[in-house]
């Protein structure tokens, strides 16, 4: 009978602050080359792979990073001209 309250606690855990974020590249913007360079630097991908990621749009550049790193990556990509979202 103790399992019932434990399930309620697990549901309440959803209100905790998010600790892991995905950095999603929504659009490259006008400076696509600069965005590709930043993506390469952040991910370590080759030129072709970075270009494909940027061209696809809506893809994760980095997944499961802490808030500080996610904000840093977002700032770098936005400075390069990209539209970025954190999830």
Protein backbone atom coordinates (compact mmCIF):
# COMPACT_ATOMS: atom_id res chain seq x y z
CA UNK A 1 0.00 0.00 0.00
CA UNK A 2 3.00 2.31 0.33
CA UNK A 3 3.57 2.42 -3.43
CA UNK A 4 0.66 4.85 -3.96
CA UNK A 5 2.21 7.86 -2.17
CA UNK A 6 5.60 7.22 -3.79
CA UNK A 7 3.96 7.57 -7.20
CA UNK A 8 2.51 10.91 -6.14
CA UNK A 9 5.97 12.14 -5.12
CA UNK A 10 7.37 11.21 -8.53
CA UNK A 11 4.67 13.26 -10.26
CA UNK A 12 5.47 16.23 -8.03
CA UNK A 13 9.13 16.04 -9.12
CA UNK A 14 8.20 17.56 -12.48
CA UNK A 15 8.05 20.99 -10.83
CA UNK A 16 11.82 20.96 -10.17
CA UNK A 17 14.04 23.29 -12.15
CA UNK A 18 15.34 21.82 -15.40
CA UNK A 19 19.04 20.90 -15.14
CA UNK A 20 19.77 19.57 -18.64
CA UNK A 21 19.11 21.50 -21.82
CA UNK A 22 19.19 20.86 -25.55
CA UNK A 23 20.44 23.68 -27.76
CA UNK A 24 18.28 23.71 -30.91
CA UNK A 25 19.34 25.62 -34.03
CA UNK A 26 16.08 27.00 -35.43
CA UNK A 27 17.52 28.96 -38.38
CA UNK A 28 20.96 30.00 -39.62
CA UNK A 29 19.97 33.55 -40.52
CA UNK A 30 21.85 35.68 -43.04
CA UNK A 31 25.38 34.72 -41.90
CA UNK A 32 25.18 31.00 -42.60
CA UNK A 33 28.95 30.60 -43.03
CA UNK A 34 29.62 32.11 -39.60
CA UNK A 35 26.99 29.85 -38.04
CA UNK A 36 28.58 26.78 -39.67
CA UNK A 37 31.97 27.83 -38.23
CA UNK A 38 30.46 28.15 -34.75
CA UNK A 39 28.68 24.80 -35.05
CA UNK A 40 31.97 23.15 -36.03
CA UNK A 41 33.72 24.71 -33.06
CA UNK A 42 31.00 23.69 -30.61
CA UNK A 43 30.39 20.15 -31.86
CA UNK A 44 33.71 19.10 -33.38
CA UNK A 45 31.88 18.06 -36.55
CA UNK A 46 33.51 18.20 -39.96
CA UNK A 47 32.57 20.88 -42.48
CA UNK A 48 30.09 18.68 -44.37
CA UNK A 49 28.33 17.46 -41.22
CA UNK A 50 28.14 20.96 -39.71
CA UNK A 51 26.72 22.36 -42.97
CA UNK A 52 24.09 19.60 -43.08
CA UNK A 53 23.08 20.33 -39.47
CA UNK A 54 22.75 24.06 -40.19
CA UNK A 55 20.88 23.48 -43.46
CA UNK A 56 18.41 21.09 -41.81
CA UNK A 57 17.26 23.60 -39.17
CA UNK A 58 15.41 22.56 -36.05
CA UNK A 59 18.21 20.16 -35.09
CA UNK A 60 20.01 19.91 -31.76
CA UNK A 61 23.53 21.33 -31.77
CA UNK A 62 24.19 19.99 -28.25
CA UNK A 63 22.02 17.83 -26.01
CA UNK A 64 21.95 17.28 -22.27
CA UNK A 65 24.18 20.20 -21.28
CA UNK A 66 23.89 22.27 -18.11
CA UNK A 67 22.23 25.68 -18.15
CA UNK A 68 25.48 27.69 -18.15
CA UNK A 69 26.91 25.79 -21.12
CA UNK A 70 23.59 25.95 -22.99
CA UNK A 71 23.42 29.75 -22.49
CA UNK A 72 27.05 30.09 -23.64
CA UNK A 73 26.41 28.06 -26.81
CA UNK A 74 23.21 30.01 -27.49
CA UNK A 75 25.07 33.33 -27.15
CA UNK A 76 27.83 32.19 -29.54
CA UNK A 77 25.36 31.02 -32.17
CA UNK A 78 23.21 34.15 -31.87
CA UNK A 79 26.32 36.32 -32.21
CA UNK A 80 27.02 34.46 -35.46
CA UNK A 81 23.49 35.33 -36.65
CA UNK A 82 21.56 32.15 -35.84
CA UNK A 83 18.13 31.78 -34.26
CA UNK A 84 18.49 29.41 -31.29
CA UNK A 85 16.11 27.80 -28.79
CA UNK A 86 16.83 26.03 -25.49
CA UNK A 87 14.64 23.06 -24.56
